[in-house]
Amino acid sequence: MKLRIRDLREDSDLTQQRVAEMLMCDQSLYSKYERGERPVPLEIIVKLADLYETSIDYLVGRTDNKKPYK
């Protein structure tokens, strides 16, 4: 599954290191998430959706609507 987390990170002017710190994980692990080399745990997906103020469905490509659900 190709997540949209790289585009969202870049659009937010954040580094991989900064996002990794917010998620309390190592930058190299976060980099593997972005490249699709490691599956992203649901807990991390939820944190990323909160960070970027979007829905999990948008992160995983099930919708093109960036706005989170109410």
N, C-alpha and C. Protein backbone atom coordinates (compact mmCIF):
# COMPACT_ATOMS: atom_id res chain seq x y z
N MET A 1 0.85 -1.18 0.00
CA MET A 1 0.00 0.00 0.00
C MET A 1 0.90 1.24 0.00
N LYS A 2 0.62 2.13 -0.90
CA LYS A 2 1.39 3.37 -1.02
C LYS A 2 0.68 4.47 -0.24
N LEU A 3 1.28 4.91 0.85
CA LEU A 3 0.71 5.97 1.66
C LEU A 3 1.10 7.33 1.10
N ARG A 4 0.32 8.33 1.42
CA ARG A 4 0.58 9.70 0.96
C ARG A 4 1.39 10.49 1.98
N ILE A 5 2.11 9.82 2.83
CA ILE A 5 2.76 10.53 3.94
C ILE A 5 3.94 11.37 3.50
N ARG A 6 4.62 10.98 2.45
CA ARG A 6 5.76 11.80 2.00
C ARG A 6 5.26 13.14 1.47
N ASP A 7 4.25 13.10 0.61
CA ASP A 7 3.71 14.35 0.05
C ASP A 7 3.19 15.27 1.15
N LEU A 8 2.49 14.70 2.12
CA LEU A 8 1.95 15.51 3.21
C LEU A 8 3.07 16.11 4.05
N ARG A 9 4.11 15.32 4.29
CA ARG A 9 5.25 15.82 5.07
C ARG A 9 5.91 16.97 4.34
N GLU A 10 6.16 16.79 3.05
CA GLU A 10 6.81 17.84 2.27
C GLU A 10 5.94 19.09 2.16
N ASP A 11 4.62 18.89 1.98
CA ASP A 11 3.70 20.03 1.92
C ASP A 11 3.70 20.81 3.23
N SER A 12 4.00 20.13 4.33
CA SER A 12 4.03 20.77 5.65
C SER A 12 5.41 21.29 6.01
N ASP A 13 6.35 21.19 5.08
CA ASP A 13 7.73 21.64 5.31
C ASP A 13 8.37 21.00 6.53
N LEU A 14 8.15 19.70 6.68
CA LEU A 14 8.73 18.95 7.79
C LEU A 14 9.79 18.00 7.26
N THR A 15 10.79 17.74 8.07
CA THR A 15 11.81 16.75 7.72
C THR A 15 11.37 15.38 8.24
N GLN A 16 11.97 14.35 7.68
CA GLN A 16 11.71 13.01 8.20
C GLN A 16 12.10 12.93 9.66
N GLN A 17 13.20 13.56 10.02
CA GLN A 17 13.67 13.53 11.40
C GLN A 17 12.63 14.14 12.34
N ARG A 18 12.05 15.26 11.94
CA ARG A 18 11.06 15.94 12.80
C ARG A 18 9.81 15.09 12.96
N VAL A 19 9.32 14.50 11.87
CA VAL A 19 8.13 13.65 11.96
C VAL A 19 8.44 12.42 12.82
N ALA A 20 9.60 11.84 12.63
CA ALA A 20 9.99 10.68 13.45
C ALA A 20 10.00 11.04 14.94
N GLU A 21 10.51 12.22 15.26
CA GLU A 21 10.51 12.66 16.65
C GLU A 21 9.08 12.78 17.18
N MET A 22 8.19 13.33 16.39
CA MET A 22 6.79 13.47 16.81
C MET A 22 6.14 12.11 17.03
N LEU A 23 6.55 11.13 16.23
CA LEU A 23 5.98 9.78 16.33
C LEU A 23 6.74 8.92 17.34
N MET A 24 7.84 9.48 17.88
CA MET A 24 8.69 8.76 18.82
C MET A 24 9.22 7.47 18.22
N CYS A 25 9.77 7.61 17.00
CA CYS A 25 10.43 6.48 16.36
C CYS A 25 11.72 6.97 15.72
N ASP A 26 12.51 6.06 15.24
CA ASP A 26 13.78 6.39 14.61
C ASP A 26 13.54 6.91 13.18
N GLN A 27 14.36 7.85 12.75
CA GLN A 27 14.22 8.44 11.42
C GLN A 27 14.37 7.38 10.33
N SER A 28 15.27 6.43 10.51
CA SER A 28 15.47 5.39 9.49
C SER A 28 14.22 4.51 9.36
N LEU A 29 13.54 4.25 10.46
CA LEU A 29 12.29 3.49 10.41
C LEU A 29 11.21 4.30 9.69
N TYR A 30 11.09 5.57 10.03
CA TYR A 30 10.10 6.40 9.35
C TYR A 30 10.38 6.48 7.85
N SER A 31 11.64 6.56 7.48
CA SER A 31 12.02 6.59 6.06
C SER A 31 11.54 5.32 5.36
N LYS A 32 11.65 4.19 6.02
CA LYS A 32 11.17 2.93 5.45
C LYS A 32 9.66 2.93 5.29
N TYR A 33 8.94 3.57 6.20
CA TYR A 33 7.50 3.71 6.05
C TYR A 33 7.19 4.50 4.78
N GLU A 34 7.88 5.61 4.58
CA GLU A 34 7.64 6.45 3.41
C GLU A 34 7.94 5.72 2.11
N ARG A 35 8.97 4.90 2.10
CA ARG A 35 9.35 4.18 0.88
C ARG A 35 8.55 2.90 0.69
N GLY A 36 7.72 2.56 1.64
CA GLY A 36 6.92 1.34 1.54
C GLY A 36 7.69 0.08 1.83
N GLU A 37 8.82 0.21 2.49
CA GLU A 37 9.64 -0.95 2.81
C GLU A 37 9.22 -1.65 4.10
N ARG A 38 8.46 -0.96 4.91
CA ARG A 38 7.94 -1.52 6.16
C ARG A 38 6.47 -1.18 6.27
N PRO A 39 5.65 -2.11 6.75
CA PRO A 39 4.24 -1.77 6.96
C PRO A 39 4.12 -0.76 8.11
N VAL A 40 3.20 0.16 7.96
CA VAL A 40 3.00 1.19 8.98
C VAL A 40 1.94 0.69 9.96
N PRO A 41 2.29 0.59 11.23
CA PRO A 41 1.31 0.14 12.22
C PRO A 41 0.12 1.11 12.29
N LEU A 42 -1.04 0.57 12.59
CA LEU A 42 -2.25 1.38 12.68
C LEU A 42 -2.07 2.54 13.64
N GLU A 43 -1.41 2.33 14.74
CA GLU A 43 -1.17 3.39 15.73
C GLU A 43 -0.44 4.58 15.09
N ILE A 44 0.52 4.29 14.23
CA ILE A 44 1.28 5.35 13.55
C ILE A 44 0.41 6.03 12.50
N ILE A 45 -0.39 5.26 11.78
CA ILE A 45 -1.29 5.85 10.78
C ILE A 45 -2.26 6.82 11.44
N VAL A 46 -2.78 6.46 12.58
CA VAL A 46 -3.70 7.34 13.32
C VAL A 46 -2.98 8.62 13.72
N LYS A 47 -1.76 8.50 14.24
CA LYS A 47 -0.99 9.68 14.63
C LYS A 47 -0.70 10.58 13.43
N LEU A 48 -0.38 9.98 12.29
CA LEU A 48 -0.12 10.77 11.08
C LEU A 48 -1.37 11.48 10.59
N ALA A 49 -2.51 10.82 10.66
CA ALA A 49 -3.77 11.46 10.26
C ALA A 49 -4.05 12.65 11.17
N ASP A 50 -3.79 12.50 12.45
CA ASP A 50 -3.97 13.61 13.39
C ASP A 50 -2.98 14.74 13.10
N LEU A 51 -1.73 14.38 12.85
CA LEU A 51 -0.69 15.36 12.59
C LEU A 51 -1.03 16.22 11.36
N TYR A 52 -1.47 15.56 10.30
CA TYR A 52 -1.76 16.27 9.06
C TYR A 52 -3.22 16.71 8.93
N GLU A 53 -3.98 16.48 10.00
CA GLU A 53 -5.40 16.87 10.04
C GLU A 53 -6.16 16.37 8.82
N THR A 54 -6.04 15.07 8.61
CA THR A 54 -6.72 14.43 7.49
C THR A 54 -7.29 13.10 7.97
N SER A 55 -7.92 12.38 7.07
CA SER A 55 -8.49 11.08 7.43
C SER A 55 -7.52 9.96 7.10
N ILE A 56 -7.72 8.85 7.76
CA ILE A 56 -6.93 7.66 7.46
C ILE A 56 -7.22 7.22 6.02
N ASP A 57 -8.46 7.34 5.58
CA ASP A 57 -8.80 6.97 4.21
C ASP A 57 -7.99 7.78 3.20
N TYR A 58 -7.76 9.07 3.47
CA TYR A 58 -6.94 9.87 2.57
C TYR A 58 -5.48 9.38 2.60
N LEU A 59 -4.97 9.10 3.78
CA LEU A 59 -3.59 8.64 3.90
C LEU A 59 -3.34 7.37 3.08
N VAL A 60 -4.30 6.47 3.10
CA VAL A 60 -4.11 5.18 2.43
C VAL A 60 -4.65 5.17 1.00
N GLY A 61 -5.13 6.31 0.51
CA GLY A 61 -5.55 6.41 -0.88
C GLY A 61 -6.96 5.94 -1.19
N ARG A 62 -7.80 5.80 -0.18
CA ARG A 62 -9.18 5.37 -0.42
C ARG A 62 -10.10 6.52 -0.81
N THR A 63 -9.63 7.76 -0.63
CA THR A 63 -10.39 8.94 -1.03
C THR A 63 -9.39 10.03 -1.42
N ASP A 64 -9.87 10.95 -2.21
CA ASP A 64 -9.03 12.11 -2.57
C ASP A 64 -9.41 13.34 -1.76
N ASN A 65 -10.35 13.18 -0.83
CA ASN A 65 -10.80 14.27 0.02
C ASN A 65 -9.87 14.36 1.23
N LYS A 66 -9.11 15.45 1.32
CA LYS A 66 -8.15 15.61 2.42
C LYS A 66 -8.80 15.90 3.76
N LYS A 67 -10.01 16.45 3.74
CA LYS A 67 -10.64 16.85 4.99
C LYS A 67 -10.98 15.64 5.85
N PRO A 68 -10.73 15.76 7.15
CA PRO A 68 -11.08 14.64 8.04
C PRO A 68 -12.58 14.54 8.20
N TYR A 69 -13.02 13.37 8.58
CA TYR A 69 -14.46 13.16 8.84
C TYR A 69 -14.86 13.88 10.10
N LYS A 70 -16.10 14.30 10.15
CA LYS A 70 -16.61 14.97 11.35
C LYS A 70 -17.06 13.97 12.37
